[in-house]
């Protein structure tokens, strides 16, 4: 159940990032993939920090994974030369 929260927050972060026009390019699939993978990794970190877990939903883990996914997508747009070509 907690993994579902992590996955959901990664998807929500990717959807919100598509509404922000700053340097929005044609890398839609890359942004979605990176947001979901980042949310899953942040969920594992949240589990290690003992808020939430992979089988129990927790709002703190959801907020942490959402912020991490949105931050990574923003970083991808702010530093396009470091991540790849647009």
PDB file of N, CA and C in Angstrom:
ATOM      1  N   UNK A   1       0.814  -1.189   0.000  1.00  0.00           N
ATOM      2  CA  UNK A   1       0.000   0.000   0.000  1.00  0.00           C
ATOM      3  C   UNK A   1       0.864   1.263   0.000  1.00  0.00           C
ATOM      4  N   UNK A   2       1.955   1.259   0.737  1.00  0.00           N
ATOM      5  CA  UNK A   2       2.856   2.407   0.748  1.00  0.00           C
ATOM      6  C   UNK A   2       3.521   2.636  -0.599  1.00  0.00           C
ATOM      7  N   UNK A   3       3.828   1.550  -1.288  1.00  0.00           N
ATOM      8  CA  UNK A   3       4.419   1.677  -2.626  1.00  0.00           C
ATOM      9  C   UNK A   3       3.437   2.351  -3.579  1.00  0.00           C
ATOM     10  N   UNK A   4       2.170   2.092  -3.392  1.00  0.00           N
ATOM     11  CA  UNK A   4       1.143   2.759  -4.203  1.00  0.00           C
ATOM     12  C   UNK A   4       1.132   4.264  -3.971  1.00  0.00           C
ATOM     13  N   UNK A   5       1.328   4.668  -2.730  1.00  0.00           N
ATOM     14  CA  UNK A   5       1.418   6.100  -2.420  1.00  0.00           C
ATOM     15  C   UNK A   5       2.642   6.700  -3.103  1.00  0.00           C
ATOM     16  N   UNK A   6       3.760   6.014  -3.037  1.00  0.00           N
ATOM     17  CA  UNK A   6       4.971   6.511  -3.675  1.00  0.00           C
ATOM     18  C   UNK A   6       4.786   6.641  -5.177  1.00  0.00           C
ATOM     19  N   UNK A   7       4.221   5.610  -5.782  1.00  0.00           N
ATOM     20  CA  UNK A   7       3.982   5.627  -7.221  1.00  0.00           C
ATOM     21  C   UNK A   7       3.008   6.744  -7.590  1.00  0.00           C
ATOM     22  N   UNK A   8       1.963   6.890  -6.806  1.00  0.00           N
ATOM     23  CA  UNK A   8       0.971   7.939  -7.063  1.00  0.00           C
ATOM     24  C   UNK A   8       1.554   9.335  -6.956  1.00  0.00           C
ATOM     25  N   UNK A   9       2.388   9.566  -5.952  1.00  0.00           N
ATOM     26  CA  UNK A   9       2.979  10.891  -5.814  1.00  0.00           C
ATOM     27  C   UNK A   9       3.965  11.191  -6.938  1.00  0.00           C
ATOM     28  N   UNK A  10       4.652  10.172  -7.436  1.00  0.00           N
ATOM     29  CA  UNK A  10       5.532  10.380  -8.588  1.00  0.00           C
ATOM     30  C   UNK A  10       4.744  10.752  -9.831  1.00  0.00           C
ATOM     31  N   UNK A  11       3.617  10.106 -10.031  1.00  0.00           N
ATOM     32  CA  UNK A  11       2.771  10.414 -11.191  1.00  0.00           C
ATOM     33  C   UNK A  11       2.166  11.807 -11.053  1.00  0.00           C
ATOM     34  N   UNK A  12       1.702  12.145  -9.854  1.00  0.00           N
ATOM     35  CA  UNK A  12       1.129  13.478  -9.632  1.00  0.00           C
ATOM     36  C   UNK A  12       2.186  14.557  -9.848  1.00  0.00           C
ATOM     37  N   UNK A  13       3.406  14.321  -9.391  1.00  0.00           N
ATOM     38  CA  UNK A  13       4.490  15.287  -9.606  1.00  0.00           C
ATOM     39  C   UNK A  13       4.769  15.469 -11.094  1.00  0.00           C
ATOM     40  N   UNK A  14       4.742  14.393 -11.860  1.00  0.00           N
ATOM     41  CA  UNK A  14       4.978  14.491 -13.305  1.00  0.00           C
ATOM     42  C   UNK A  14       3.847  15.241 -13.992  1.00  0.00           C
ATOM     43  N   UNK A  15       2.613  15.020 -13.548  1.00  0.00           N
ATOM     44  CA  UNK A  15       1.468  15.731 -14.137  1.00  0.00           C
ATOM     45  C   UNK A  15       1.560  17.218 -13.832  1.00  0.00           C
ATOM     46  N   UNK A  16       1.864  17.573 -12.598  1.00  0.00           N
ATOM     47  CA  UNK A  16       1.985  18.985 -12.229  1.00  0.00           C
ATOM     48  C   UNK A  16       3.132  19.635 -12.988  1.00  0.00           C
ATOM     49  N   UNK A  17       4.229  18.925 -13.166  1.00  0.00           N
ATOM     50  CA  UNK A  17       5.373  19.477 -13.895  1.00  0.00           C
ATOM     51  C   UNK A  17       5.024  19.763 -15.351  1.00  0.00           C
ATOM     52  N   UNK A  18       4.094  19.026 -15.926  1.00  0.00           N
ATOM     53  CA  UNK A  18       3.699  19.278 -17.315  1.00  0.00           C
ATOM     54  C   UNK A  18       2.916  20.578 -17.454  1.00  0.00           C
ATOM     55  N   UNK A  19       2.321  21.069 -16.370  1.00  0.00           N
ATOM     56  CA  UNK A  19       1.584  22.329 -16.420  1.00  0.00           C
ATOM     57  C   UNK A  19       2.490  23.545 -16.268  1.00  0.00           C
ATOM     58  N   UNK A  20       3.712  23.336 -15.801  1.00  0.00           N
ATOM     59  CA  UNK A  20       4.655  24.437 -15.619  1.00  0.00           C
ATOM     60  C   UNK A  20       5.413  24.623 -16.934  1.00  0.00           C
ATOM     61  N   UNK A  21       5.266  25.776 -17.570  1.00  0.00           N
ATOM     62  CA  UNK A  21       5.816  25.933 -18.918  1.00  0.00           C
ATOM     63  C   UNK A  21       7.318  26.183 -18.980  1.00  0.00           C
ATOM     64  N   UNK A  22       7.983  26.447 -17.862  1.00  0.00           N
ATOM     65  CA  UNK A  22       9.410  26.779 -17.889  1.00  0.00           C
ATOM     66  C   UNK A  22      10.218  25.625 -18.479  1.00  0.00           C
ATOM     67  N   UNK A  23      10.808  25.862 -19.630  1.00  0.00           N
ATOM     68  CA  UNK A  23      11.661  24.890 -20.342  1.00  0.00           C
ATOM     69  C   UNK A  23      11.009  23.537 -20.561  1.00  0.00           C
ATOM     70  N   UNK A  24       9.719  23.552 -20.764  1.00  0.00           N
ATOM     71  CA  UNK A  24       9.028  22.296 -21.051  1.00  0.00           C
ATOM     72  C   UNK A  24       9.388  21.887 -22.469  1.00  0.00           C
ATOM     73  N   UNK A  25       9.958  20.732 -22.599  1.00  0.00           N
ATOM     74  CA  UNK A  25      10.406  20.264 -23.898  1.00  0.00           C
ATOM     75  C   UNK A  25       9.623  19.050 -24.351  1.00  0.00           C
ATOM     76  N   UNK A  26      10.227  18.307 -25.215  1.00  0.00           N
ATOM     77  CA  UNK A  26       9.564  17.120 -25.767  1.00  0.00           C
ATOM     78  C   UNK A  26       9.980  15.852 -25.028  1.00  0.00           C
ATOM     79  N   UNK A  27      10.615  15.998 -23.873  1.00  0.00           N
ATOM     80  CA  UNK A  27      11.096  14.837 -23.122  1.00  0.00           C
ATOM     81  C   UNK A  27      10.052  14.362 -22.106  1.00  0.00           C
ATOM     82  N   UNK A  28       8.825  14.265 -22.536  1.00  0.00           N
ATOM     83  CA  UNK A  28       7.727  13.914 -21.639  1.00  0.00           C
ATOM     84  C   UNK A  28       7.925  12.545 -20.995  1.00  0.00           C
ATOM     85  N   UNK A  29       8.270  11.550 -21.777  1.00  0.00           N
ATOM     86  CA  UNK A  29       8.453  10.195 -21.249  1.00  0.00           C
ATOM     87  C   UNK A  29       9.632  10.131 -20.275  1.00  0.00           C
ATOM     88  N   UNK A  30      10.684  10.861 -20.574  1.00  0.00           N
ATOM     89  CA  UNK A  30      11.845  10.883 -19.688  1.00  0.00           C
ATOM     90  C   UNK A  30      11.467  11.513 -18.351  1.00  0.00           C
ATOM     91  N   UNK A  31      10.713  12.618 -18.387  1.00  0.00           N
ATOM     92  CA  UNK A  31      10.291  13.272 -17.145  1.00  0.00           C
ATOM     93  C   UNK A  31       9.412  12.353 -16.308  1.00  0.00           C
ATOM     94  N   UNK A  32       8.468  11.677 -16.943  1.00  0.00           N
ATOM     95  CA  UNK A  32       7.578  10.762 -16.221  1.00  0.00           C
ATOM     96  C   UNK A  32       8.379   9.630 -15.584  1.00  0.00           C
ATOM     97  N   UNK A  33       9.288   9.056 -16.342  1.00  0.00           N
ATOM     98  CA  UNK A  33      10.083   7.932 -15.838  1.00  0.00           C
ATOM     99  C   UNK A  33      10.963   8.362 -14.672  1.00  0.00           C
ATOM    100  N   UNK A  34      11.627   9.486 -14.821  1.00  0.00           N
ATOM    101  CA  UNK A  34      12.504   9.973 -13.761  1.00  0.00           C
ATOM    102  C   UNK A  34      11.705  10.330 -12.516  1.00  0.00           C
ATOM    103  N   UNK A  35      10.534  10.921 -12.673  1.00  0.00           N
ATOM    104  CA  UNK A  35       9.705  11.285 -11.523  1.00  0.00           C
ATOM    105  C   UNK A  35       9.250  10.047 -10.754  1.00  0.00           C
ATOM    106  N   UNK A  36       8.839   9.014 -11.465  1.00  0.00           N
ATOM    107  CA  UNK A  36       8.365   7.800 -10.795  1.00  0.00           C
ATOM    108  C   UNK A  36       9.519   7.063 -10.120  1.00  0.00           C
ATOM    109  N   UNK A  37      10.650   6.948 -10.801  1.00  0.00           N
ATOM    110  CA  UNK A  37      11.804   6.261 -10.204  1.00  0.00           C
ATOM    111  C   UNK A  37      12.310   7.029  -8.985  1.00  0.00           C
ATOM    112  N   UNK A  38      12.349   8.353  -9.078  1.00  0.00           N
ATOM    113  CA  UNK A  38      12.769   9.162  -7.937  1.00  0.00           C
ATOM    114  C   UNK A  38      11.816   9.000  -6.761  1.00  0.00           C
ATOM    115  N   UNK A  39      10.517   8.968  -7.042  1.00  0.00           N
ATOM    116  CA  UNK A  39       9.541   8.790  -5.964  1.00  0.00           C
ATOM    117  C   UNK A  39       9.719   7.434  -5.290  1.00  0.00           C
ATOM    118  N   UNK A  40       9.988   6.400  -6.065  1.00  0.00           N
ATOM    119  CA  UNK A  40      10.203   5.083  -5.469  1.00  0.00           C
ATOM    120  C   UNK A  40      11.481   5.047  -4.623  1.00  0.00           C
ATOM    121  N   UNK A  41      12.540   5.668  -5.108  1.00  0.00           N
ATOM    122  CA  UNK A  41      13.780   5.721  -4.325  1.00  0.00           C
ATOM    123  C   UNK A  41      13.604   6.562  -3.064  1.00  0.00           C
ATOM    124  N   UNK A  42      12.880   7.670  -3.188  1.00  0.00           N
ATOM    125  CA  UNK A  42      12.618   8.501  -2.009  1.00  0.00           C
ATOM    126  C   UNK A  42      11.739   7.752  -1.007  1.00  0.00           C
ATOM    127  N   UNK A  43      10.866   6.908  -1.505  1.00  0.00           N
ATOM    128  CA  UNK A  43      10.055   6.085  -0.607  1.00  0.00           C
ATOM    129  C   UNK A  43      10.904   5.110   0.184  1.00  0.00           C
ATOM    130  N   UNK A  44      11.909   4.563  -0.453  1.00  0.00           N
ATOM    131  CA  UNK A  44      12.827   3.688   0.274  1.00  0.00           C
ATOM    132  C   UNK A  44      13.609   4.463   1.338  1.00  0.00           C
ATOM    133  N   UNK A  45      13.989   5.685   1.010  1.00  0.00           N
ATOM    134  CA  UNK A  45      14.671   6.523   1.996  1.00  0.00           C
ATOM    135  C   UNK A  45      13.717   6.867   3.136  1.00  0.00           C
ATOM    136  N   UNK A  46      12.460   7.152   2.811  1.00  0.00           N
ATOM    137  CA  UNK A  46      11.471   7.439   3.851  1.00  0.00           C
ATOM    138  C   UNK A  46      11.270   6.237   4.766  1.00  0.00           C
ATOM    139  N   UNK A  47      11.304   5.058   4.196  1.00  0.00           N
ATOM    140  CA  UNK A  47      11.200   3.843   5.013  1.00  0.00           C
ATOM    141  C   UNK A  47      12.405   3.720   5.944  1.00  0.00           C
ATOM    142  N   UNK A  48      13.593   4.018   5.427  1.00  0.00           N
ATOM    143  CA  UNK A  48      14.793   3.958   6.260  1.00  0.00           C
ATOM    144  C   UNK A  48      14.755   5.004   7.377  1.00  0.00           C
ATOM    145  N   UNK A  49      14.108   6.144   7.110  1.00  0.00           N
ATOM    146  CA  UNK A  49      13.973   7.188   8.124  1.00  0.00           C
ATOM    147  C   UNK A  49      12.801   6.921   9.065  1.00  0.00           C
ATOM    148  N   UNK A  50      12.101   5.837   8.839  1.00  0.00           N
ATOM    149  CA  UNK A  50      11.022   5.354   9.695  1.00  0.00           C
ATOM    150  C   UNK A  50       9.787   6.249   9.705  1.00  0.00           C
ATOM    151  N   UNK A  51       9.463   6.836   8.558  1.00  0.00           N
ATOM    152  CA  UNK A  51       8.137   7.389   8.412  1.00  0.00           C
ATOM    153  C   UNK A  51       7.504   6.751   7.189  1.00  0.00           C
ATOM    154  N   UNK A  52       6.559   5.901   7.485  1.00  0.00           N
ATOM    155  CA  UNK A  52       5.922   5.100   6.448  1.00  0.00           C
ATOM    156  C   UNK A  52       6.701   3.827   6.203  1.00  0.00           C
ATOM    157  N   UNK A  53       6.274   3.120   5.234  1.00  0.00           N
ATOM    158  CA  UNK A  53       6.930   1.878   4.867  1.00  0.00           C
ATOM    159  C   UNK A  53       6.376   1.407   3.535  1.00  0.00           C
ATOM    160  N   UNK A  54       6.919   0.339   3.039  1.00  0.00           N
ATOM    161  CA  UNK A  54       6.468  -0.131   1.734  1.00  0.00           C
ATOM    162  C   UNK A  54       5.074  -0.746   1.808  1.00  0.00           C
ATOM    163  N   UNK A  55       4.615  -1.142   2.991  1.00  0.00           N
ATOM    164  CA  UNK A  55       3.296  -1.770   3.082  1.00  0.00           C
ATOM    165  C   UNK A  55       2.290  -0.955   3.883  1.00  0.00           C
ATOM    166  N   UNK A  56       2.661   0.232   4.354  1.00  0.00           N
ATOM    167  CA  UNK A  56       1.723   1.071   5.093  1.00  0.00           C
ATOM    168  C   UNK A  56       1.786   2.502   4.571  1.00  0.00           C
ATOM    169  N   UNK A  57       0.656   3.067   4.172  1.00  0.00           N
ATOM    170  CA  UNK A  57       0.668   4.438   3.660  1.00  0.00           C
ATOM    171  C   UNK A  57       0.859   5.440   4.796  1.00  0.00           C
ATOM    172  N   UNK A  58       1.645   6.454   4.534  1.00  0.00           N
ATOM    173  CA  UNK A  58       1.891   7.502   5.512  1.00  0.00           C
ATOM    174  C   UNK A  58       1.984   8.825   4.768  1.00  0.00           C
ATOM    175  N   UNK A  59       1.335   9.844   5.281  1.00  0.00           N
ATOM    176  CA  UNK A  59       1.322  11.123   4.591  1.00  0.00           C
ATOM    177  C   UNK A  59       2.703  11.755   4.539  1.00  0.00           C
ATOM    178  N   UNK A  60       3.538  11.498   5.542  1.00  0.00           N
ATOM    179  CA  UNK A  60       4.886  12.069   5.544  1.00  0.00           C
ATOM    180  C   UNK A  60       5.725  11.489   4.414  1.00  0.00           C
ATOM    181  N   UNK A  61       5.599  10.190   4.197  1.00  0.00           N
ATOM    182  CA  UNK A  61       6.326   9.556   3.095  1.00  0.00           C
ATOM    183  C   UNK A  61       5.799  10.060   1.752  1.00  0.00           C
ATOM    184  N   UNK A  62       4.487  10.245   1.659  1.00  0.00           N
ATOM    185  CA  UNK A  62       3.900  10.771   0.425  1.00  0.00           C
ATOM    186  C   UNK A  62       4.392  12.172   0.116  1.00  0.00           C
ATOM    187  N   UNK A  63       4.447  13.020   1.116  1.00  0.00           N
ATOM    188  CA  UNK A  63       4.938  14.381   0.928  1.00  0.00           C
ATOM    189  C   UNK A  63       6.422  14.385   0.562  1.00  0.00           C
ATOM    190  N   UNK A  64       7.191  13.522   1.193  1.00  0.00           N
ATOM    191  CA  UNK A  64       8.621  13.418   0.913  1.00  0.00           C
ATOM    192  C   UNK A  64       8.868  12.944  -0.521  1.00  0.00           C
ATOM    193  N   UNK A  65       8.141  11.925  -0.952  1.00  0.00           N
ATOM    194  CA  UNK A  65       8.334  11.400  -2.307  1.00  0.00           C
ATOM    195  C   UNK A  65       7.856  12.395  -3.361  1.00  0.00           C
ATOM    196  N   UNK A  66       6.765  13.104  -3.072  1.00  0.00           N
ATOM    197  CA  UNK A  66       6.259  14.119  -4.000  1.00  0.00           C
ATOM    198  C   UNK A  66       7.287  15.236  -4.173  1.00  0.00           C
ATOM    199  N   UNK A  67       7.828  15.728  -3.061  1.00  0.00           N
ATOM    200  CA  UNK A  67       8.810  16.811  -3.125  1.00  0.00           C
ATOM    201  C   UNK A  67      10.074  16.370  -3.860  1.00  0.00           C
ATOM    202  N   UNK A  68      10.515  15.152  -3.610  1.00  0.00           N
ATOM    203  CA  UNK A  68      11.725  14.661  -4.276  1.00  0.00           C
ATOM    204  C   UNK A  68      11.508  14.527  -5.783  1.00  0.00           C
ATOM    205  N   UNK A  69      10.369  13.980  -6.183  1.00  0.00           N
ATOM    206  CA  UNK A  69      10.092  13.804  -7.615  1.00  0.00           C
ATOM    207  C   UNK A  69       9.970  15.146  -8.321  1.00  0.00           C
ATOM    208  N   UNK A  70       9.275  16.095  -7.702  1.00  0.00           N
ATOM    209  CA  UNK A  70       9.120  17.410  -8.313  1.00  0.00           C
ATOM    210  C   UNK A  70      10.460  18.147  -8.374  1.00  0.00           C
ATOM    211  N   UNK A  71      11.286  17.979  -7.366  1.00  0.00           N
ATOM    212  CA  UNK A  71      12.601  18.624  -7.360  1.00  0.00           C
ATOM    213  C   UNK A  71      13.499  18.078  -8.460  1.00  0.00           C
ATOM    214  N   UNK A  72      13.452  16.773  -8.689  1.00  0.00           N
ATOM    215  CA  UNK A  72      14.302  16.185  -9.725  1.00  0.00           C
ATOM    216  C   UNK A  72      13.839  16.603 -11.117  1.00  0.00           C
ATOM    217  N   UNK A  73      12.540  16.667 -11.334  1.00  0.00           N
ATOM    218  CA  UNK A  73      12.046  17.127 -12.634  1.00  0.00           C
ATOM    219  C   UNK A  73      12.422  18.593 -12.842  1.00  0.00           C
ATOM    220  N   UNK A  74      12.331  19.400 -11.803  1.00  0.00           N
ATOM    221  CA  UNK A  74      12.749  20.798 -11.902  1.00  0.00           C
ATOM    222  C   UNK A  74      14.232  20.920 -12.176  1.00  0.00           C
ATOM    223  N   UNK A  75      15.022  20.075 -11.546  1.00  0.00           N
ATOM    224  CA  UNK A  75      16.456  20.078 -11.795  1.00  0.00           C
ATOM    225  C   UNK A  75      16.763  19.683 -13.234  1.00  0.00           C
ATOM    226  N   UNK A  76      16.017  18.729 -13.761  1.00  0.00           N
ATOM    227  CA  UNK A  76      16.211  18.314 -15.154  1.00  0.00           C
ATOM    228  C   UNK A  76      15.959  19.471 -16.107  1.00  0.00           C
ATOM    229  N   UNK A  77      14.963  20.282 -15.810  1.00  0.00           N
ATOM    230  CA  UNK A  77      14.655  21.411 -16.678  1.00  0.00           C
ATOM    231  C   UNK A  77      15.643  22.564 -16.485  1.00  0.00           C
ATOM    232  N   UNK A  78      16.107  22.766 -15.266  1.00  0.00           N
ATOM    233  CA  UNK A  78      17.008  23.886 -15.000  1.00  0.00           C
ATOM    234  C   UNK A  78      18.410  23.622 -15.526  1.00  0.00           C
ATOM    235  N   UNK A  79      18.817  22.372 -15.586  1.00  0.00           N
ATOM    236  CA  UNK A  79      20.164  22.018 -16.048  1.00  0.00           C
ATOM    237  C   UNK A  79      20.058  21.004 -17.183  1.00  0.00           C
ATOM    238  N   UNK A  80      19.539  21.427 -18.349  1.00  0.00           N
ATOM    239  CA  UNK A  80      19.342  20.459 -19.424  1.00  0.00           C
ATOM    240  C   UNK A  80      20.635  19.883 -20.000  1.00  0.00           C
ATOM    241  N   UNK A  81      21.730  20.606 -19.911  1.00  0.00           N
ATOM    242  CA  UNK A  81      22.994  20.097 -20.426  1.00  0.00           C
ATOM    243  C   UNK A  81      23.556  18.957 -19.593  1.00  0.00           C
ATOM    244  N   UNK A  82      23.197  18.917 -18.327  1.00  0.00           N
ATOM    245  CA  UNK A  82      23.709  17.857 -17.451  1.00  0.00           C
ATOM    246  C   UNK A  82      22.938  16.553 -17.601  1.00  0.00           C
ATOM    247  N   UNK A  83      21.683  16.650 -18.017  1.00  0.00           N
ATOM    248  CA  UNK A  83      20.824  15.468 -18.089  1.00  0.00           C
ATOM    249  C   UNK A  83      20.765  14.905 -19.492  1.00  0.00           C
ATOM    250  N   UNK A  84      20.728  15.746 -20.483  1.00  0.00           N
ATOM    251  CA  UNK A  84      20.618  15.278 -21.861  1.00  0.00           C
ATOM    252  C   UNK A  84      20.111  16.409 -22.738  1.00  0.00           C
ATOM    253  N   UNK A  85      20.031  16.114 -23.970  1.00  0.00           N
ATOM    254  CA  UNK A  85      19.558  17.133 -24.923  1.00  0.00           C
ATOM    255  C   UNK A  85      18.044  17.158 -24.972  1.00  0.00           C
ATOM    256  N   UNK A  86      17.483  18.347 -25.119  1.00  0.00           N
ATOM    257  CA  UNK A  86      16.027  18.515 -25.192  1.00  0.00           C
ATOM    258  C   UNK A  86      15.504  18.190 -26.575  1.00  0.00           C
TER     259      UNK A  86
END
